[in-house]
Structures are given as C-alpha cells and as structure tokens.
N, C-alpha and C. Protein backbone atom coordinates (compact mmCIF):
# COMPACT_ATOMS: atom_id res chain seq x y z
N UNK A 1 -5.18 2.50 13.84
CA UNK A 1 -5.34 1.16 14.34
C UNK A 1 -6.07 1.22 15.67
N UNK A 2 -7.18 0.54 15.77
CA UNK A 2 -7.94 0.48 17.02
C UNK A 2 -7.21 -0.41 18.02
N UNK A 3 -7.27 -0.01 19.28
CA UNK A 3 -6.57 -0.75 20.33
C UNK A 3 -7.42 -0.74 21.58
N UNK A 4 -7.55 -1.88 22.25
CA UNK A 4 -8.41 -1.97 23.42
C UNK A 4 -7.80 -1.39 24.69
N UNK A 5 -6.49 -1.24 24.74
CA UNK A 5 -5.83 -0.72 25.94
C UNK A 5 -6.28 0.72 26.20
N UNK A 6 -6.65 1.02 27.43
CA UNK A 6 -7.13 2.35 27.79
C UNK A 6 -6.02 3.29 28.23
N UNK A 7 -4.89 2.75 28.65
CA UNK A 7 -3.79 3.58 29.13
C UNK A 7 -2.86 3.92 27.98
N UNK A 8 -3.27 4.91 27.19
CA UNK A 8 -2.48 5.37 26.05
C UNK A 8 -2.03 6.79 26.34
N UNK A 9 -0.72 6.97 26.48
CA UNK A 9 -0.15 8.24 26.89
C UNK A 9 0.66 8.86 25.76
N UNK A 10 0.23 10.01 25.24
CA UNK A 10 0.99 10.65 24.17
C UNK A 10 2.29 11.24 24.70
N UNK A 11 3.35 11.11 23.91
CA UNK A 11 4.64 11.64 24.34
C UNK A 11 5.57 11.81 23.15
N UNK A 12 6.82 12.16 23.48
CA UNK A 12 7.85 12.40 22.47
C UNK A 12 9.08 11.58 22.82
N UNK A 13 9.67 10.92 21.83
CA UNK A 13 10.88 10.14 22.07
C UNK A 13 12.01 11.10 22.42
N UNK A 14 12.58 10.92 23.61
CA UNK A 14 13.71 11.73 24.09
C UNK A 14 15.04 11.10 23.74
N UNK A 15 15.06 9.75 23.72
CA UNK A 15 16.31 9.04 23.43
C UNK A 15 15.96 7.65 22.94
N UNK A 16 16.79 7.14 22.06
CA UNK A 16 16.64 5.75 21.61
C UNK A 16 18.03 5.19 21.37
N UNK A 17 18.29 4.05 21.96
CA UNK A 17 19.56 3.35 21.81
C UNK A 17 19.25 1.99 21.19
N UNK A 18 19.75 1.76 19.99
CA UNK A 18 19.46 0.52 19.29
C UNK A 18 20.68 -0.39 19.37
N UNK A 19 20.46 -1.59 19.91
CA UNK A 19 21.53 -2.58 20.00
C UNK A 19 21.39 -3.64 18.93
N UNK A 20 22.10 -4.74 19.10
CA UNK A 20 22.07 -5.83 18.12
C UNK A 20 20.70 -6.50 18.06
N UNK A 21 20.05 -6.63 19.22
CA UNK A 21 18.78 -7.36 19.29
C UNK A 21 17.65 -6.49 19.84
N UNK A 22 17.94 -5.65 20.81
CA UNK A 22 16.92 -4.85 21.49
C UNK A 22 17.16 -3.35 21.29
N UNK A 23 16.10 -2.58 21.54
CA UNK A 23 16.19 -1.11 21.51
C UNK A 23 15.62 -0.57 22.81
N UNK A 24 16.31 0.39 23.39
CA UNK A 24 15.89 1.05 24.62
C UNK A 24 15.32 2.41 24.22
N UNK A 25 14.03 2.63 24.51
CA UNK A 25 13.35 3.85 24.08
C UNK A 25 12.90 4.63 25.32
N UNK A 26 13.24 5.92 25.36
CA UNK A 26 12.83 6.80 26.45
C UNK A 26 11.85 7.82 25.88
N UNK A 27 10.65 7.85 26.47
CA UNK A 27 9.59 8.75 25.99
C UNK A 27 9.23 9.73 27.09
N UNK A 28 9.18 11.01 26.74
CA UNK A 28 8.77 12.05 27.68
C UNK A 28 7.26 12.19 27.58
N UNK A 29 6.60 11.95 28.70
CA UNK A 29 5.14 12.08 28.81
C UNK A 29 4.89 13.13 29.89
N UNK A 30 4.50 14.32 29.49
CA UNK A 30 4.37 15.41 30.45
C UNK A 30 5.73 15.72 31.04
N UNK A 31 5.81 15.71 32.38
CA UNK A 31 7.07 15.94 33.08
C UNK A 31 7.82 14.65 33.38
N UNK A 32 7.30 13.53 32.91
CA UNK A 32 7.84 12.22 33.27
C UNK A 32 8.50 11.54 32.08
N UNK A 33 9.46 10.66 32.40
CA UNK A 33 10.10 9.84 31.38
C UNK A 33 9.66 8.39 31.58
N UNK A 34 9.24 7.76 30.50
CA UNK A 34 8.85 6.35 30.54
C UNK A 34 9.81 5.60 29.63
N UNK A 35 10.37 4.51 30.16
CA UNK A 35 11.34 3.74 29.41
C UNK A 35 10.73 2.42 28.97
N UNK A 36 11.09 1.99 27.78
CA UNK A 36 10.61 0.72 27.25
C UNK A 36 11.75 0.03 26.51
N UNK A 37 11.77 -1.27 26.58
CA UNK A 37 12.72 -2.08 25.83
C UNK A 37 11.91 -2.90 24.84
N UNK A 38 12.18 -2.70 23.55
CA UNK A 38 11.47 -3.42 22.50
C UNK A 38 12.50 -4.06 21.58
N UNK A 39 12.05 -4.91 20.70
CA UNK A 39 13.00 -5.54 19.78
C UNK A 39 13.53 -4.51 18.78
N UNK A 40 14.73 -4.75 18.34
CA UNK A 40 15.33 -3.88 17.32
C UNK A 40 14.47 -3.87 16.06
N UNK A 41 13.96 -5.05 15.68
CA UNK A 41 13.11 -5.15 14.50
C UNK A 41 11.89 -4.26 14.62
N UNK A 42 11.25 -4.24 15.79
CA UNK A 42 10.07 -3.40 15.99
C UNK A 42 10.43 -1.92 15.85
N UNK A 43 11.54 -1.52 16.46
CA UNK A 43 11.97 -0.12 16.37
C UNK A 43 12.25 0.27 14.92
N UNK A 44 12.87 -0.62 14.18
CA UNK A 44 13.17 -0.34 12.78
C UNK A 44 11.91 -0.31 11.93
N UNK A 45 10.99 -1.25 12.16
CA UNK A 45 9.74 -1.29 11.41
C UNK A 45 8.91 -0.03 11.64
N UNK A 46 8.94 0.50 12.88
CA UNK A 46 8.21 1.72 13.20
C UNK A 46 8.98 2.97 12.76
N UNK A 47 10.26 2.79 12.44
CA UNK A 47 11.08 3.94 12.03
C UNK A 47 11.27 4.94 13.16
N UNK A 48 11.40 4.45 14.39
CA UNK A 48 11.49 5.33 15.56
C UNK A 48 12.79 6.13 15.56
N UNK A 49 12.65 7.42 15.91
CA UNK A 49 13.83 8.27 16.06
C UNK A 49 13.53 9.36 17.08
N UNK A 50 14.58 9.93 17.63
CA UNK A 50 14.46 10.99 18.62
C UNK A 50 13.60 12.12 18.05
N UNK A 51 12.66 12.61 18.89
CA UNK A 51 11.78 13.69 18.49
C UNK A 51 10.44 13.24 17.94
N UNK A 52 10.31 11.95 17.63
CA UNK A 52 9.04 11.44 17.10
C UNK A 52 7.94 11.53 18.16
N UNK A 53 6.73 11.88 17.71
CA UNK A 53 5.55 11.81 18.57
C UNK A 53 5.04 10.39 18.54
N UNK A 54 4.82 9.83 19.73
CA UNK A 54 4.38 8.44 19.85
C UNK A 54 3.33 8.35 20.96
N UNK A 55 2.73 7.19 21.10
CA UNK A 55 1.87 6.89 22.24
C UNK A 55 2.51 5.74 23.01
N UNK A 56 2.61 5.90 24.32
CA UNK A 56 3.04 4.82 25.19
C UNK A 56 1.77 4.09 25.62
N UNK A 57 1.70 2.80 25.36
CA UNK A 57 0.53 2.01 25.72
C UNK A 57 0.91 1.09 26.86
N UNK A 58 0.21 1.23 27.99
CA UNK A 58 0.48 0.42 29.17
C UNK A 58 -0.61 -0.62 29.29
N UNK A 59 -0.24 -1.86 29.18
CA UNK A 59 -1.19 -2.97 29.34
C UNK A 59 -0.56 -3.92 30.34
N UNK A 60 -1.10 -3.94 31.54
CA UNK A 60 -0.48 -4.71 32.59
C UNK A 60 -1.53 -5.32 33.50
N UNK A 61 -1.20 -6.45 34.07
CA UNK A 61 -2.11 -7.07 35.04
C UNK A 61 -1.86 -6.52 36.44
N UNK A 62 -0.79 -5.75 36.61
CA UNK A 62 -0.46 -5.20 37.92
C UNK A 62 0.15 -3.82 37.77
N UNK A 63 -0.39 -2.88 38.51
CA UNK A 63 0.15 -1.52 38.56
C UNK A 63 0.39 -1.19 40.02
N UNK A 64 1.61 -0.80 40.36
CA UNK A 64 1.95 -0.46 41.74
C UNK A 64 1.94 1.05 41.94
N UNK A 65 1.50 1.46 43.10
CA UNK A 65 1.50 2.88 43.48
C UNK A 65 2.16 2.99 44.85
N UNK A 66 3.06 3.95 44.98
CA UNK A 66 3.73 4.20 46.25
C UNK A 66 3.51 5.65 46.63
N UNK A 67 3.21 5.88 47.89
CA UNK A 67 3.01 7.24 48.38
C UNK A 67 4.17 7.60 49.30
N UNK A 68 4.64 8.84 49.14
CA UNK A 68 5.64 9.34 50.06
C UNK A 68 7.01 9.10 49.61
C-alpha cells in the first residue's frame, strides 16, 4: 500500500494490551520504544501480536525536539 507519509519507522511489537475499545501498542524502533493507542478493531483487523514486524508511521503537524 502506497503511503504519502515520509516518517515510516520499521520496528517490532514489544507489547500489546487490548482493551474493550482501544489497544495500546509498544513498538521497538532501534533502541527506542514508541507507543501508540489505536482502536481494538484496527488491532484485530491487522492481526497484531507481540513479535510482529511493523512500520510506525508518524504524520503530525507538530514535532517537538528538546535538547539536554
């Protein structure tokens, strides 16, 4: 599937907690962990599980950077 977002980070699902409505997904990208909250339906449709290789796609109008 083609996607216009340029910030696509390959990673591996480290943890996934599925609730009644939402799912909390933790993806290891390099030495970093990126967390996302998506709908339970989306997680189920994608068949997400721990250990899966995925891409984290960041599409935002604002990105903050802090030094120090």
